[in-house]
Amino acid sequence: MRTKERLLLGDSTKRLAEIEDASVDLILTDPPYNTGMTAKSGTRLTHFFDDRYSPEEYRTLARTTARECYRILKNDRGCYVFVNWRSLGVWLDALATAGFRLKNVIVWDKIIHGLNHQNYAHTHEFLIFAAKGRFFPRNQGTADDQSRDLWHLRRETRQARADEFHHETAKPISLVRRPIELDPRFFSLAAARIANVTQGHHPLVASDDCLASRRKKPASRVRRARRVRRSTRRD
């Protein structure tokens, strides 16, 4: 079996067009949340606060991305989308319009709260679980909360240095691993590869043919690492 690694860097709404139809087995994406906040130039929190779209701009981003994700995903495969309470409705609508079956919304309890004490500090986020066709995760018989739609996983609290970019909603590796390792086609592959692929990044797309990662940034800068498995055998 020959393996080829490929890294795509650029605007995800454009680079997704380069991926072939029905060529991806699993999608895991962490799009901008459209927090509506801005940051002063040079602050290490730029990638978190500099995230403001108009309502129509954000709906267009969600619909375009959802449509492309549906196109590149194989039949009977899963799609996961990280969102917060502000963006939940927009992405549910975009995914359904694109053709996905909405299966559930997983609540991620971050254990340790984040910012916004004056309006009740943020302590949870959502993970939309959708499917193209029929798809079921391999989560039966797990000893923890992986079989339920409420996941208790401590958020990242490491403070970046003053000269490093920081994002308040960075996802821990333990959270990122779950949708990949619970996929029946990825169970063995993920255990061996996911730690290396996601080291220092947060995944955008993960599949049998493609493991992709990016830092949490606005949509204009996306890193995607593509793992292509070539074999003479047929699926």
C-alpha atoms as a PDB file:
ATOM      1  CA  MET A   1       0.000   0.000   0.000  1.00  0.00           C
ATOM      2  CA  ARG A   2       1.412   3.405  -0.992  1.00  0.00           C
ATOM      3  CA  THR A   3       0.585   6.514   1.011  1.00  0.00           C
ATOM      4  CA  LYS A   4       0.765  10.139  -0.120  1.00  0.00           C
ATOM      5  CA  GLU A   5       0.497  13.175   2.142  1.00  0.00           C
ATOM      6  CA  ARG A   6      -0.864  16.467   0.796  1.00  0.00           C
ATOM      7  CA  LEU A   7      -1.277  19.795   2.587  1.00  0.00           C
ATOM      8  CA  LEU A   8      -3.783  22.369   1.332  1.00  0.00           C
ATOM      9  CA  LEU A   9      -3.487  25.932   2.615  1.00  0.00           C
ATOM     10  CA  GLY A  10      -5.981  28.676   1.789  1.00  0.00           C
ATOM     11  CA  ASP A  11      -9.617  29.719   1.899  1.00  0.00           C
ATOM     12  CA  SER A  12     -11.630  26.606   2.727  1.00  0.00           C
ATOM     13  CA  THR A  13     -14.587  27.768   0.631  1.00  0.00           C
ATOM     14  CA  LYS A  14     -12.262  27.651  -2.391  1.00  0.00           C
ATOM     15  CA  ARG A  15      -9.989  24.718  -1.550  1.00  0.00           C
ATOM     16  CA  LEU A  16     -12.944  22.398  -0.903  1.00  0.00           C
ATOM     17  CA  ALA A  17     -13.719  22.682  -4.611  1.00  0.00           C
ATOM     18  CA  GLU A  18     -10.466  20.830  -5.345  1.00  0.00           C
ATOM     19  CA  ILE A  19     -11.630  17.692  -3.526  1.00  0.00           C
ATOM     20  CA  GLU A  20     -13.331  15.072  -5.696  1.00  0.00           C
ATOM     21  CA  ASP A  21     -17.031  14.214  -5.409  1.00  0.00           C
ATOM     22  CA  ALA A  22     -17.856  11.433  -2.931  1.00  0.00           C
ATOM     23  CA  SER A  23     -14.186  10.915  -1.986  1.00  0.00           C
ATOM     24  CA  VAL A  24     -14.260  11.591   1.789  1.00  0.00           C
ATOM     25  CA  ASP A  25     -15.386   9.164   4.493  1.00  0.00           C
ATOM     26  CA  LEU A  26     -15.740  11.449   7.510  1.00  0.00           C
ATOM     27  CA  ILE A  27     -16.003  15.211   7.992  1.00  0.00           C
ATOM     28  CA  LEU A  28     -15.173  16.995  11.245  1.00  0.00           C
ATOM     29  CA  THR A  29     -15.203  20.783  10.984  1.00  0.00           C
ATOM     30  CA  ASP A  30     -14.746  23.681  13.409  1.00  0.00           C
ATOM     31  CA  PRO A  31     -15.898  26.775  11.470  1.00  0.00           C
ATOM     32  CA  PRO A  32     -15.858  30.396  12.699  1.00  0.00           C
ATOM     33  CA  TYR A  33     -18.534  30.988  15.329  1.00  0.00           C
ATOM     34  CA  ASN A  34     -19.283  34.559  14.235  1.00  0.00           C
ATOM     35  CA  THR A  35     -18.857  35.887  17.753  1.00  0.00           C
ATOM     36  CA  GLY A  36     -19.492  39.430  16.521  1.00  0.00           C
ATOM     37  CA  MET A  37     -16.490  40.731  18.434  1.00  0.00           C
ATOM     38  CA  THR A  38     -13.386  42.515  17.185  1.00  0.00           C
ATOM     39  CA  ALA A  39      -9.866  42.765  18.595  1.00  0.00           C
ATOM     40  CA  LYS A  40      -7.187  45.399  18.629  1.00  0.00           C
ATOM     41  CA  SER A  41      -4.447  44.919  16.078  1.00  0.00           C
ATOM     42  CA  GLY A  42      -1.631  42.694  17.290  1.00  0.00           C
ATOM     43  CA  THR A  43      -3.433  41.064  20.216  1.00  0.00           C
ATOM     44  CA  ARG A  44      -2.873  37.337  20.675  1.00  0.00           C
ATOM     45  CA  LEU A  45      -6.665  36.890  20.817  1.00  0.00           C
ATOM     46  CA  THR A  46      -7.118  38.180  17.269  1.00  0.00           C
ATOM     47  CA  HIS A  47      -8.295  34.798  15.933  1.00  0.00           C
ATOM     48  CA  PHE A  48     -11.022  34.643  18.572  1.00  0.00           C
ATOM     49  CA  PHE A  49     -12.316  38.205  18.643  1.00  0.00           C
ATOM     50  CA  ASP A  50     -11.767  39.167  14.988  1.00  0.00           C
ATOM     51  CA  ASP A  51     -14.754  37.091  13.936  1.00  0.00           C
ATOM     52  CA  ARG A  52     -17.569  39.301  12.701  1.00  0.00           C
ATOM     53  CA  TYR A  53     -19.812  38.575   9.711  1.00  0.00           C
ATOM     54  CA  SER A  54     -23.094  40.147   8.759  1.00  0.00           C
ATOM     55  CA  PRO A  55     -26.040  37.741   9.145  1.00  0.00           C
ATOM     56  CA  GLU A  56     -26.217  37.226   5.375  1.00  0.00           C
ATOM     57  CA  GLU A  57     -22.445  36.750   5.034  1.00  0.00           C
ATOM     58  CA  TYR A  58     -22.468  34.101   7.732  1.00  0.00           C
ATOM     59  CA  ARG A  59     -25.465  32.266   6.272  1.00  0.00           C
ATOM     60  CA  THR A  60     -23.716  32.256   2.885  1.00  0.00           C
ATOM     61  CA  LEU A  61     -20.537  30.852   4.452  1.00  0.00           C
ATOM     62  CA  ALA A  62     -22.487  28.082   6.209  1.00  0.00           C
ATOM     63  CA  ARG A  63     -24.557  27.149   3.154  1.00  0.00           C
ATOM     64  CA  THR A  64     -21.555  27.145   0.808  1.00  0.00           C
ATOM     65  CA  THR A  65     -19.490  25.003   3.176  1.00  0.00           C
ATOM     66  CA  ALA A  66     -22.347  22.596   3.928  1.00  0.00           C
ATOM     67  CA  ARG A  67     -23.082  22.162   0.218  1.00  0.00           C
ATOM     68  CA  GLU A  68     -19.421  21.391  -0.547  1.00  0.00           C
ATOM     69  CA  CYS A  69     -19.162  19.006   2.403  1.00  0.00           C
ATOM     70  CA  TYR A  70     -22.193  17.097   1.165  1.00  0.00           C
ATOM     71  CA  ARG A  71     -20.697  16.901  -2.319  1.00  0.00           C
ATOM     72  CA  ILE A  72     -17.316  15.493  -1.252  1.00  0.00           C
ATOM     73  CA  LEU A  73     -18.685  13.093   1.380  1.00  0.00           C
ATOM     74  CA  LYS A  74     -19.346   9.484   0.374  1.00  0.00           C
ATOM     75  CA  ASN A  75     -22.791   7.984   0.865  1.00  0.00           C
ATOM     76  CA  ASP A  76     -23.574   6.515   4.283  1.00  0.00           C
ATOM     77  CA  ARG A  77     -20.941   8.598   6.060  1.00  0.00           C
ATOM     78  CA  GLY A  78     -20.960  11.030   8.994  1.00  0.00           C
ATOM     79  CA  CYS A  79     -20.403  14.780   9.327  1.00  0.00           C
ATOM     80  CA  TYR A  80     -19.692  16.660  12.577  1.00  0.00           C
ATOM     81  CA  VAL A  81     -19.744  20.453  12.974  1.00  0.00           C
ATOM     82  CA  PHE A  82     -18.591  22.347  16.085  1.00  0.00           C
ATOM     83  CA  VAL A  83     -20.770  25.403  16.827  1.00  0.00           C
ATOM     84  CA  ASN A  84     -21.796  27.623  19.719  1.00  0.00           C
ATOM     85  CA  TRP A  85     -25.274  28.788  20.702  1.00  0.00           C
ATOM     86  CA  ARG A  86     -25.139  31.771  18.348  1.00  0.00           C
ATOM     87  CA  SER A  87     -24.377  29.738  15.240  1.00  0.00           C
ATOM     88  CA  LEU A  88     -26.338  26.556  15.985  1.00  0.00           C
ATOM     89  CA  GLY A  89     -29.502  27.507  14.068  1.00  0.00           C
ATOM     90  CA  VAL A  90     -27.585  28.743  11.031  1.00  0.00           C
ATOM     91  CA  TRP A  91     -25.631  25.501  10.663  1.00  0.00           C
ATOM     92  CA  LEU A  92     -28.617  23.241  11.305  1.00  0.00           C
ATOM     93  CA  ASP A  93     -30.462  25.013   8.500  1.00  0.00           C
ATOM     94  CA  ALA A  94     -27.439  24.943   6.173  1.00  0.00           C
ATOM     95  CA  LEU A  95     -26.775  21.233   6.684  1.00  0.00           C
ATOM     96  CA  ALA A  96     -30.425  20.267   6.201  1.00  0.00           C
ATOM     97  CA  THR A  97     -30.680  22.412   3.064  1.00  0.00           C
ATOM     98  CA  ALA A  98     -27.543  20.754   1.661  1.00  0.00           C
ATOM     99  CA  GLY A  99     -29.171  17.329   2.029  1.00  0.00           C
ATOM    100  CA  PHE A 100     -27.761  16.032   5.307  1.00  0.00           C
ATOM    101  CA  ARG A 101     -29.885  14.102   7.773  1.00  0.00           C
ATOM    102  CA  LEU A 102     -29.694  15.839  11.146  1.00  0.00           C
ATOM    103  CA  LYS A 103     -29.115  13.077  13.697  1.00  0.00           C
ATOM    104  CA  ASN A 104     -28.400  14.845  16.985  1.00  0.00           C
ATOM    105  CA  VAL A 105     -26.686  17.774  18.685  1.00  0.00           C
ATOM    106  CA  ILE A 106     -24.015  16.720  21.166  1.00  0.00           C
ATOM    107  CA  VAL A 107     -23.373  19.053  24.096  1.00  0.00           C
ATOM    108  CA  TRP A 108     -19.736  19.453  25.092  1.00  0.00           C
ATOM    109  CA  ASP A 109     -19.494  20.318  28.793  1.00  0.00           C
ATOM    110  CA  LYS A 110     -16.099  22.047  29.055  1.00  0.00           C
ATOM    111  CA  ILE A 111     -15.991  21.636  32.865  1.00  0.00           C
ATOM    112  CA  ILE A 112     -14.079  24.926  33.221  1.00  0.00           C
ATOM    113  CA  HIS A 113     -15.934  28.015  32.044  1.00  0.00           C
ATOM    114  CA  GLY A 114     -14.557  30.581  29.614  1.00  0.00           C
ATOM    115  CA  LEU A 115     -15.261  34.266  29.117  1.00  0.00           C
ATOM    116  CA  ASN A 116     -18.422  36.372  29.468  1.00  0.00           C
ATOM    117  CA  HIS A 117     -19.097  36.256  33.221  1.00  0.00           C
ATOM    118  CA  GLN A 118     -21.577  39.118  32.983  1.00  0.00           C
ATOM    119  CA  ASN A 119     -23.948  37.002  30.850  1.00  0.00           C
ATOM    120  CA  TYR A 120     -23.221  33.655  32.557  1.00  0.00           C
ATOM    121  CA  ALA A 121     -19.765  32.353  31.667  1.00  0.00           C
ATOM    122  CA  HIS A 122     -19.627  30.038  28.647  1.00  0.00           C
ATOM    123  CA  THR A 123     -19.204  26.433  29.805  1.00  0.00           C
ATOM    124  CA  HIS A 124     -20.543  24.438  26.868  1.00  0.00           C
ATOM    125  CA  GLU A 125     -20.444  24.209  23.089  1.00  0.00           C
ATOM    126  CA  PHE A 126     -22.281  22.043  20.558  1.00  0.00           C
ATOM    127  CA  LEU A 127     -21.272  19.385  18.055  1.00  0.00           C
ATOM    128  CA  ILE A 128     -23.843  18.789  15.324  1.00  0.00           C
ATOM    129  CA  PHE A 129     -24.014  15.149  14.233  1.00  0.00           C
ATOM    130  CA  ALA A 130     -25.352  14.725  10.688  1.00  0.00           C
ATOM    131  CA  ALA A 131     -25.184  12.013   8.047  1.00  0.00           C
ATOM    132  CA  LYS A 132     -25.314  11.558   4.317  1.00  0.00           C
ATOM    133  CA  GLY A 133     -27.482   8.460   3.951  1.00  0.00           C
ATOM    134  CA  ARG A 134     -27.345   5.873   6.750  1.00  0.00           C
ATOM    135  CA  PHE A 135     -24.539   6.163   9.294  1.00  0.00           C
ATOM    136  CA  PHE A 136     -24.144   5.005  12.880  1.00  0.00           C
ATOM    137  CA  PRO A 137     -21.160   5.605  15.196  1.00  0.00           C
ATOM    138  CA  ARG A 138     -19.447   2.700  16.921  1.00  0.00           C
ATOM    139  CA  ASN A 139     -20.274   3.900  20.417  1.00  0.00           C
ATOM    140  CA  GLN A 140     -22.162   1.022  22.015  1.00  0.00           C
ATOM    141  CA  GLY A 141     -20.650  -0.544  25.108  1.00  0.00           C
ATOM    142  CA  THR A 142     -18.240   2.291  25.856  1.00  0.00           C
ATOM    143  CA  ALA A 143     -17.404   2.707  29.533  1.00  0.00           C
ATOM    144  CA  ASP A 144     -17.632   6.493  29.527  1.00  0.00           C
ATOM    145  CA  ASP A 145     -20.136   9.042  28.141  1.00  0.00           C
ATOM    146  CA  GLN A 146     -19.306   8.463  24.459  1.00  0.00           C
ATOM    147  CA  SER A 147     -22.631   6.716  23.884  1.00  0.00           C
ATOM    148  CA  ARG A 148     -24.593   9.748  25.099  1.00  0.00           C
ATOM    149  CA  ASP A 149     -25.131  13.232  23.681  1.00  0.00           C
ATOM    150  CA  LEU A 150     -23.526  14.983  26.663  1.00  0.00           C
ATOM    151  CA  TRP A 151     -19.725  14.805  26.761  1.00  0.00           C
ATOM    152  CA  HIS A 152     -17.829  15.960  29.852  1.00  0.00           C
ATOM    153  CA  LEU A 153     -14.299  16.853  28.760  1.00  0.00           C
ATOM    154  CA  ARG A 154     -12.081  19.500  30.303  1.00  0.00           C
ATOM    155  CA  ARG A 155     -11.295  22.367  27.940  1.00  0.00           C
ATOM    156  CA  GLU A 156      -7.784  23.577  27.164  1.00  0.00           C
ATOM    157  CA  THR A 157      -6.631  26.163  29.713  1.00  0.00           C
ATOM    158  CA  ARG A 158      -2.981  26.559  28.755  1.00  0.00           C
ATOM    159  CA  GLN A 159      -2.225  30.230  28.369  1.00  0.00           C
ATOM    160  CA  ALA A 160      -0.245  31.120  25.286  1.00  0.00           C
ATOM    161  CA  ARG A 161       2.800  33.363  25.524  1.00  0.00           C
ATOM    162  CA  ALA A 162       2.258  37.047  24.787  1.00  0.00           C
ATOM    163  CA  ASP A 163       3.754  36.580  21.307  1.00  0.00           C
ATOM    164  CA  GLU A 164       1.577  33.567  20.454  1.00  0.00           C
ATOM    165  CA  PHE A 165      -1.907  33.617  18.958  1.00  0.00           C
ATOM    166  CA  HIS A 166      -4.524  32.187  21.282  1.00  0.00           C
ATOM    167  CA  HIS A 167      -8.109  31.041  20.792  1.00  0.00           C
ATOM    168  CA  GLU A 168     -10.609  30.823  23.624  1.00  0.00           C
ATOM    169  CA  THR A 169     -12.461  27.855  22.092  1.00  0.00           C
ATOM    170  CA  ALA A 170      -9.471  25.667  21.185  1.00  0.00           C
ATOM    171  CA  LYS A 171     -10.530  22.008  21.185  1.00  0.00           C
ATOM    172  CA  PRO A 172      -8.662  19.429  23.296  1.00  0.00           C
ATOM    173  CA  ILE A 173      -7.294  16.358  21.547  1.00  0.00           C
ATOM    174  CA  SER A 174      -9.513  14.132  23.720  1.00  0.00           C
ATOM    175  CA  LEU A 175     -12.587  15.810  22.207  1.00  0.00           C
ATOM    176  CA  VAL A 176     -11.307  15.778  18.634  1.00  0.00           C
ATOM    177  CA  ARG A 177     -10.487  12.071  18.801  1.00  0.00           C
ATOM    178  CA  ARG A 178     -14.008  10.922  19.638  1.00  0.00           C
ATOM    179  CA  PRO A 179     -15.916  11.367  16.355  1.00  0.00           C
ATOM    180  CA  ILE A 180     -12.977   9.856  14.463  1.00  0.00           C
ATOM    181  CA  GLU A 181     -12.371   6.886  16.737  1.00  0.00           C
ATOM    182  CA  LEU A 182     -16.095   6.138  16.974  1.00  0.00           C
ATOM    183  CA  ASP A 183     -16.377   5.867  13.186  1.00  0.00           C
ATOM    184  CA  PRO A 184     -16.499   2.154  12.215  1.00  0.00           C
ATOM    185  CA  ARG A 185     -14.101   2.721   9.297  1.00  0.00           C
ATOM    186  CA  PHE A 186     -11.616   4.636  11.413  1.00  0.00           C
ATOM    187  CA  PHE A 187     -11.445   2.715  14.648  1.00  0.00           C
ATOM    188  CA  SER A 188      -8.005   1.173  14.068  1.00  0.00           C
ATOM    189  CA  LEU A 189      -6.598   3.931  11.844  1.00  0.00           C
ATOM    190  CA  ALA A 190      -7.452   6.712  14.282  1.00  0.00           C
ATOM    191  CA  ALA A 191      -5.808   5.038  17.253  1.00  0.00           C
ATOM    192  CA  ALA A 192      -2.496   4.985  15.427  1.00  0.00           C
ATOM    193  CA  ARG A 193      -2.644   8.280  13.549  1.00  0.00           C
ATOM    194  CA  ILE A 194      -4.856  10.880  15.183  1.00  0.00           C
ATOM    195  CA  ALA A 195      -2.355  12.119  17.797  1.00  0.00           C
ATOM    196  CA  ASN A 196       0.254  12.865  15.146  1.00  0.00           C
ATOM    197  CA  VAL A 197      -2.168  14.471  12.717  1.00  0.00           C
ATOM    198  CA  THR A 198      -3.765  16.835  15.232  1.00  0.00           C
ATOM    199  CA  GLN A 199      -0.683  17.755  17.254  1.00  0.00           C
ATOM    200  CA  GLY A 200      -0.865  21.522  17.745  1.00  0.00           C
ATOM    201  CA  HIS A 201      -3.894  21.911  15.470  1.00  0.00           C
ATOM    202  CA  HIS A 202      -7.621  21.291  15.410  1.00  0.00           C
ATOM    203  CA  PRO A 203      -9.184  19.123  12.716  1.00  0.00           C
ATOM    204  CA  LEU A 204     -11.375  20.369   9.922  1.00  0.00           C
ATOM    205  CA  VAL A 205     -11.873  17.180   7.912  1.00  0.00           C
ATOM    206  CA  ALA A 206     -11.007  13.600   8.796  1.00  0.00           C
ATOM    207  CA  SER A 207     -11.670  10.606   6.603  1.00  0.00           C
ATOM    208  CA  ASP A 208     -10.442   7.183   5.533  1.00  0.00           C
ATOM    209  CA  ASP A 209      -8.816   8.941   2.590  1.00  0.00           C
ATOM    210  CA  CYS A 210      -8.339  12.318   4.243  1.00  0.00           C
ATOM    211  CA  LEU A 211      -7.217  13.545   7.636  1.00  0.00           C
ATOM    212  CA  ALA A 212      -7.292  17.325   7.727  1.00  0.00           C
ATOM    213  CA  SER A 213      -6.360  19.878  10.337  1.00  0.00           C
ATOM    214  CA  ARG A 214      -6.307  23.590  10.928  1.00  0.00           C
ATOM    215  CA  ARG A 215      -5.786  26.105  13.661  1.00  0.00           C
ATOM    216  CA  LYS A 216      -8.984  27.808  14.763  1.00  0.00           C
ATOM    217  CA  LYS A 217      -8.916  30.888  12.498  1.00  0.00           C
ATOM    218  CA  PRO A 218     -11.299  32.858  10.322  1.00  0.00           C
ATOM    219  CA  ALA A 219     -12.275  31.027   7.144  1.00  0.00           C
ATOM    220  CA  SER A 220      -9.645  32.824   5.088  1.00  0.00           C
ATOM    221  CA  ARG A 221      -6.786  30.748   6.549  1.00  0.00           C
ATOM    222  CA  VAL A 222      -7.288  27.024   6.699  1.00  0.00           C
ATOM    223  CA  ARG A 223      -4.797  24.228   6.906  1.00  0.00           C
ATOM    224  CA  ARG A 224      -5.880  20.907   5.570  1.00  0.00           C
ATOM    225  CA  ALA A 225      -3.657  17.810   5.549  1.00  0.00           C
ATOM    226  CA  ARG A 226      -4.913  15.170   3.202  1.00  0.00           C
ATOM    227  CA  ARG A 227      -4.113  11.522   3.670  1.00  0.00           C
ATOM    228  CA  VAL A 228      -4.724   9.519   0.507  1.00  0.00           C
ATOM    229  CA  ARG A 229      -4.628   5.772   0.699  1.00  0.00           C
ATOM    230  CA  ARG A 230      -4.007   4.004  -2.546  1.00  0.00           C
ATOM    231  CA  SER A 231      -4.515   0.293  -2.905  1.00  0.00           C
ATOM    232  CA  THR A 232      -5.214  -2.144  -5.672  1.00  0.00           C
ATOM    233  CA  ARG A 233      -8.090  -3.684  -3.747  1.00  0.00           C
ATOM    234  CA  ARG A 234     -11.630  -2.404  -4.215  1.00  0.00           C
ATOM    235  CA  ASP A 235     -13.810  -1.181  -1.341  1.00  0.00           C
END
